[in-house]
């Protein structure tokens, strides 16, 4: 006499429920992961911005009168990116709020093709601000969508 063996497995409904649950979890986790990666790249950009700022200060001290125009400052700042990955993700802009002063601001904004939104700006003193969007960074806001990072007082 042959005994009847019970075949065990998953039904189509059970598989569909499992796939739906995995999809929901992925839908929640992926945006969080993307924001985490973006914040990491922005931290790298902040370190790069600090190096660029120090390089500009050193050049201005060693060669008085150099980088006195916004055009010269912009050319110099753009040429100082060391990390090609950051250069591919972000644009740097040098802004001189007052042409009769040695003050300047460096602004890093994400390039349009990478989906990033966070931006960063730093003044010539080294105070850095992380902004939720590029518009706030370009405006060099110190409140609202921008918050000071680093040397908080």
C-alpha atoms as a PDB file:
ATOM      1  CA  UNK A   1       0.000   0.000   0.000  1.00  0.00           C
ATOM      2  CA  UNK A   2       1.356   3.351  -1.018  1.00  0.00           C
ATOM      3  CA  UNK A   3       1.110   6.213   1.404  1.00  0.00           C
ATOM      4  CA  UNK A   4      -0.024   9.529   0.056  1.00  0.00           C
ATOM      5  CA  UNK A   5       2.644  12.223   0.452  1.00  0.00           C
ATOM      6  CA  UNK A   6       1.539  15.748   1.138  1.00  0.00           C
ATOM      7  CA  UNK A   7       3.304  18.276  -1.083  1.00  0.00           C
ATOM      8  CA  UNK A   8       4.202  21.433   0.747  1.00  0.00           C
ATOM      9  CA  UNK A   9       4.906  24.826  -0.788  1.00  0.00           C
ATOM     10  CA  UNK A  10       3.656  28.368  -1.109  1.00  0.00           C
ATOM     11  CA  UNK A  11       0.466  29.354  -2.804  1.00  0.00           C
ATOM     12  CA  UNK A  12       0.381  32.147  -5.347  1.00  0.00           C
ATOM     13  CA  UNK A  13      -1.460  34.384  -2.885  1.00  0.00           C
ATOM     14  CA  UNK A  14       1.209  33.859  -0.219  1.00  0.00           C
ATOM     15  CA  UNK A  15       3.951  34.730  -2.714  1.00  0.00           C
ATOM     16  CA  UNK A  16       2.087  37.854  -3.824  1.00  0.00           C
ATOM     17  CA  UNK A  17       1.690  38.992  -0.214  1.00  0.00           C
ATOM     18  CA  UNK A  18       5.414  38.441   0.428  1.00  0.00           C
ATOM     19  CA  UNK A  19       6.371  40.401  -2.704  1.00  0.00           C
ATOM     20  CA  UNK A  20       4.012  43.229  -1.708  1.00  0.00           C
ATOM     21  CA  UNK A  21       5.545  43.414   1.774  1.00  0.00           C
ATOM     22  CA  UNK A  22       9.065  43.497   0.320  1.00  0.00           C
ATOM     23  CA  UNK A  23       7.971  46.256  -2.086  1.00  0.00           C
ATOM     24  CA  UNK A  24       6.544  48.349   0.741  1.00  0.00           C
ATOM     25  CA  UNK A  25       9.690  47.953   2.825  1.00  0.00           C
ATOM     26  CA  UNK A  26      11.881  48.847  -0.157  1.00  0.00           C
ATOM     27  CA  UNK A  27       9.698  51.871  -0.895  1.00  0.00           C
ATOM     28  CA  UNK A  28      10.289  53.143   2.626  1.00  0.00           C
ATOM     29  CA  UNK A  29      13.951  52.194   2.936  1.00  0.00           C
ATOM     30  CA  UNK A  30      15.288  53.455  -0.410  1.00  0.00           C
ATOM     31  CA  UNK A  31      14.489  57.173   0.097  1.00  0.00           C
ATOM     32  CA  UNK A  32      16.018  57.019   3.589  1.00  0.00           C
ATOM     33  CA  UNK A  33      19.126  55.375   2.186  1.00  0.00           C
ATOM     34  CA  UNK A  34      19.342  57.994  -0.593  1.00  0.00           C
ATOM     35  CA  UNK A  35      19.139  60.849   1.939  1.00  0.00           C
ATOM     36  CA  UNK A  36      21.824  59.139   4.037  1.00  0.00           C
ATOM     37  CA  UNK A  37      24.141  58.903   1.005  1.00  0.00           C
ATOM     38  CA  UNK A  38      23.443  62.529   0.060  1.00  0.00           C
ATOM     39  CA  UNK A  39      24.308  63.744   3.576  1.00  0.00           C
ATOM     40  CA  UNK A  40      27.576  61.784   3.363  1.00  0.00           C
ATOM     41  CA  UNK A  41      28.481  63.425   0.062  1.00  0.00           C
ATOM     42  CA  UNK A  42      27.587  66.830   1.486  1.00  0.00           C
ATOM     43  CA  UNK A  43      29.926  66.193   4.434  1.00  0.00           C
ATOM     44  CA  UNK A  44      32.697  65.378   1.942  1.00  0.00           C
ATOM     45  CA  UNK A  45      31.835  68.582   0.062  1.00  0.00           C
ATOM     46  CA  UNK A  46      32.103  70.549   3.308  1.00  0.00           C
ATOM     47  CA  UNK A  47      35.624  69.214   3.900  1.00  0.00           C
ATOM     48  CA  UNK A  48      36.529  70.045   0.304  1.00  0.00           C
ATOM     49  CA  UNK A  49      35.046  73.538   0.711  1.00  0.00           C
ATOM     50  CA  UNK A  50      37.164  74.098   3.830  1.00  0.00           C
ATOM     51  CA  UNK A  51      40.299  73.121   1.885  1.00  0.00           C
ATOM     52  CA  UNK A  52      39.338  75.442  -0.982  1.00  0.00           C
ATOM     53  CA  UNK A  53      38.698  78.278   1.472  1.00  0.00           C
ATOM     54  CA  UNK A  54      42.092  77.750   3.143  1.00  0.00           C
ATOM     55  CA  UNK A  55      43.817  77.613  -0.243  1.00  0.00           C
ATOM     56  CA  UNK A  56      42.232  80.906  -1.301  1.00  0.00           C
ATOM     57  CA  UNK A  57      43.220  82.564   1.987  1.00  0.00           C
ATOM     58  CA  UNK A  58      46.791  81.318   1.641  1.00  0.00           C
ATOM     59  CA  UNK A  59      47.051  82.627  -1.904  1.00  0.00           C
ATOM     60  CA  UNK A  60      45.630  86.008  -0.916  1.00  0.00           C
ATOM     61  CA  UNK A  61      48.151  86.329   1.921  1.00  0.00           C
ATOM     62  CA  UNK A  62      51.169  85.133  -0.077  1.00  0.00           C
ATOM     63  CA  UNK A  63      50.288  87.252  -3.124  1.00  0.00           C
ATOM     64  CA  UNK A  64      48.609  90.495  -1.997  1.00  0.00           C
ATOM     65  CA  UNK A  65      46.121  91.806  -4.519  1.00  0.00           C
ATOM     66  CA  UNK A  66      45.527  88.373  -6.049  1.00  0.00           C
ATOM     67  CA  UNK A  67      42.002  87.061  -6.396  1.00  0.00           C
ATOM     68  CA  UNK A  68      40.612  90.541  -5.845  1.00  0.00           C
ATOM     69  CA  UNK A  69      37.880  90.240  -8.485  1.00  0.00           C
ATOM     70  CA  UNK A  70      34.923  87.892  -8.436  1.00  0.00           C
ATOM     71  CA  UNK A  71      35.963  86.447 -11.815  1.00  0.00           C
ATOM     72  CA  UNK A  72      39.474  85.573 -10.562  1.00  0.00           C
ATOM     73  CA  UNK A  73      38.051  84.151  -7.359  1.00  0.00           C
ATOM     74  CA  UNK A  74      35.520  82.029  -9.293  1.00  0.00           C
ATOM     75  CA  UNK A  75      38.203  80.632 -11.617  1.00  0.00           C
ATOM     76  CA  UNK A  76      40.438  79.773  -8.677  1.00  0.00           C
ATOM     77  CA  UNK A  77      37.671  78.156  -6.623  1.00  0.00           C
ATOM     78  CA  UNK A  78      36.463  76.065  -9.578  1.00  0.00           C
ATOM     79  CA  UNK A  79      39.962  74.761 -10.197  1.00  0.00           C
ATOM     80  CA  UNK A  80      40.522  73.583  -6.626  1.00  0.00           C
ATOM     81  CA  UNK A  81      38.137  70.597  -6.488  1.00  0.00           C
ATOM     82  CA  UNK A  82      40.352  67.608  -5.743  1.00  0.00           C
ATOM     83  CA  UNK A  83      37.713  64.883  -5.671  1.00  0.00           C
ATOM     84  CA  UNK A  84      36.368  64.135  -9.173  1.00  0.00           C
ATOM     85  CA  UNK A  85      33.248  62.477  -7.697  1.00  0.00           C
ATOM     86  CA  UNK A  86      32.340  65.675  -5.831  1.00  0.00           C
ATOM     87  CA  UNK A  87      33.059  67.755  -8.904  1.00  0.00           C
ATOM     88  CA  UNK A  88      30.648  65.534 -10.857  1.00  0.00           C
ATOM     89  CA  UNK A  89      27.908  66.014  -8.233  1.00  0.00           C
ATOM     90  CA  UNK A  90      28.307  69.653  -7.194  1.00  0.00           C
ATOM     91  CA  UNK A  91      28.975  73.078  -8.661  1.00  0.00           C
ATOM     92  CA  UNK A  92      30.984  75.655  -6.753  1.00  0.00           C
ATOM     93  CA  UNK A  93      30.355  79.369  -7.007  1.00  0.00           C
ATOM     94  CA  UNK A  94      32.424  82.160  -5.487  1.00  0.00           C
ATOM     95  CA  UNK A  95      30.541  85.309  -4.554  1.00  0.00           C
ATOM     96  CA  UNK A  96      31.960  88.616  -3.383  1.00  0.00           C
ATOM     97  CA  UNK A  97      29.134  90.457  -1.577  1.00  0.00           C
ATOM     98  CA  UNK A  98      31.110  93.689  -1.562  1.00  0.00           C
ATOM     99  CA  UNK A  99      33.698  94.433  -4.270  1.00  0.00           C
ATOM    100  CA  UNK A 100      35.591  96.806  -1.958  1.00  0.00           C
ATOM    101  CA  UNK A 101      36.149  94.143   0.686  1.00  0.00           C
ATOM    102  CA  UNK A 102      38.199  90.980   1.001  1.00  0.00           C
ATOM    103  CA  UNK A 103      35.100  89.045   2.093  1.00  0.00           C
ATOM    104  CA  UNK A 104      33.750  86.283  -0.111  1.00  0.00           C
ATOM    105  CA  UNK A 105      31.371  83.344   0.095  1.00  0.00           C
ATOM    106  CA  UNK A 106      31.744  79.917  -1.481  1.00  0.00           C
ATOM    107  CA  UNK A 107      28.533  78.123  -2.458  1.00  0.00           C
ATOM    108  CA  UNK A 108      28.225  74.437  -3.344  1.00  0.00           C
ATOM    109  CA  UNK A 109      24.984  73.400  -5.042  1.00  0.00           C
ATOM    110  CA  UNK A 110      24.029  70.023  -6.491  1.00  0.00           C
ATOM    111  CA  UNK A 111      24.084  69.610 -10.245  1.00  0.00           C
ATOM    112  CA  UNK A 112      20.655  69.113 -11.774  1.00  0.00           C
ATOM    113  CA  UNK A 113      21.200  65.562 -13.015  1.00  0.00           C
ATOM    114  CA  UNK A 114      21.877  63.790  -9.702  1.00  0.00           C
ATOM    115  CA  UNK A 115      18.612  64.275  -7.807  1.00  0.00           C
ATOM    116  CA  UNK A 116      20.273  65.830  -4.759  1.00  0.00           C
ATOM    117  CA  UNK A 117      18.673  68.805  -2.998  1.00  0.00           C
ATOM    118  CA  UNK A 118      20.980  69.707  -0.089  1.00  0.00           C
ATOM    119  CA  UNK A 119      23.455  72.560  -0.613  1.00  0.00           C
ATOM    120  CA  UNK A 120      26.180  74.249   1.380  1.00  0.00           C
ATOM    121  CA  UNK A 121      27.786  77.655   1.637  1.00  0.00           C
ATOM    122  CA  UNK A 122      30.765  78.997   3.574  1.00  0.00           C
ATOM    123  CA  UNK A 123      31.963  82.528   4.187  1.00  0.00           C
ATOM    124  CA  UNK A 124      35.598  83.598   4.100  1.00  0.00           C
ATOM    125  CA  UNK A 125      35.817  83.301   7.892  1.00  0.00           C
ATOM    126  CA  UNK A 126      34.974  79.598   7.655  1.00  0.00           C
ATOM    127  CA  UNK A 127      31.407  79.613   8.960  1.00  0.00           C
ATOM    128  CA  UNK A 128      29.499  76.954   7.040  1.00  0.00           C
ATOM    129  CA  UNK A 129      25.760  76.588   6.523  1.00  0.00           C
ATOM    130  CA  UNK A 130      23.889  73.503   5.298  1.00  0.00           C
ATOM    131  CA  UNK A 131      20.765  74.386   3.307  1.00  0.00           C
ATOM    132  CA  UNK A 132      17.746  72.318   2.356  1.00  0.00           C
ATOM    133  CA  UNK A 133      17.809  73.674  -1.194  1.00  0.00           C
ATOM    134  CA  UNK A 134      20.130  75.377  -3.662  1.00  0.00           C
ATOM    135  CA  UNK A 135      18.088  78.599  -3.742  1.00  0.00           C
ATOM    136  CA  UNK A 136      18.658  79.188  -0.018  1.00  0.00           C
ATOM    137  CA  UNK A 137      22.380  78.458  -0.385  1.00  0.00           C
ATOM    138  CA  UNK A 138      22.755  80.836  -3.333  1.00  0.00           C
ATOM    139  CA  UNK A 139      21.024  83.532  -1.263  1.00  0.00           C
ATOM    140  CA  UNK A 140      23.494  82.793   1.579  1.00  0.00           C
ATOM    141  CA  UNK A 141      20.685  82.510   4.101  1.00  0.00           C
ATOM    142  CA  UNK A 142      21.713  82.099   7.732  1.00  0.00           C
ATOM    143  CA  UNK A 143      18.239  81.177   8.991  1.00  0.00           C
ATOM    144  CA  UNK A 144      15.151  79.406   7.703  1.00  0.00           C
ATOM    145  CA  UNK A 145      16.150  76.600   5.363  1.00  0.00           C
ATOM    146  CA  UNK A 146      19.843  76.956   6.263  1.00  0.00           C
ATOM    147  CA  UNK A 147      21.480  75.985   9.531  1.00  0.00           C
ATOM    148  CA  UNK A 148      25.012  76.663  10.708  1.00  0.00           C
ATOM    149  CA  UNK A 149      27.274  73.651  10.974  1.00  0.00           C
ATOM    150  CA  UNK A 150      30.714  73.278  12.455  1.00  0.00           C
ATOM    151  CA  UNK A 151      31.730  76.306  14.498  1.00  0.00           C
ATOM    152  CA  UNK A 152      28.468  76.876  16.357  1.00  0.00           C
ATOM    153  CA  UNK A 153      28.648  79.556  18.980  1.00  0.00           C
END
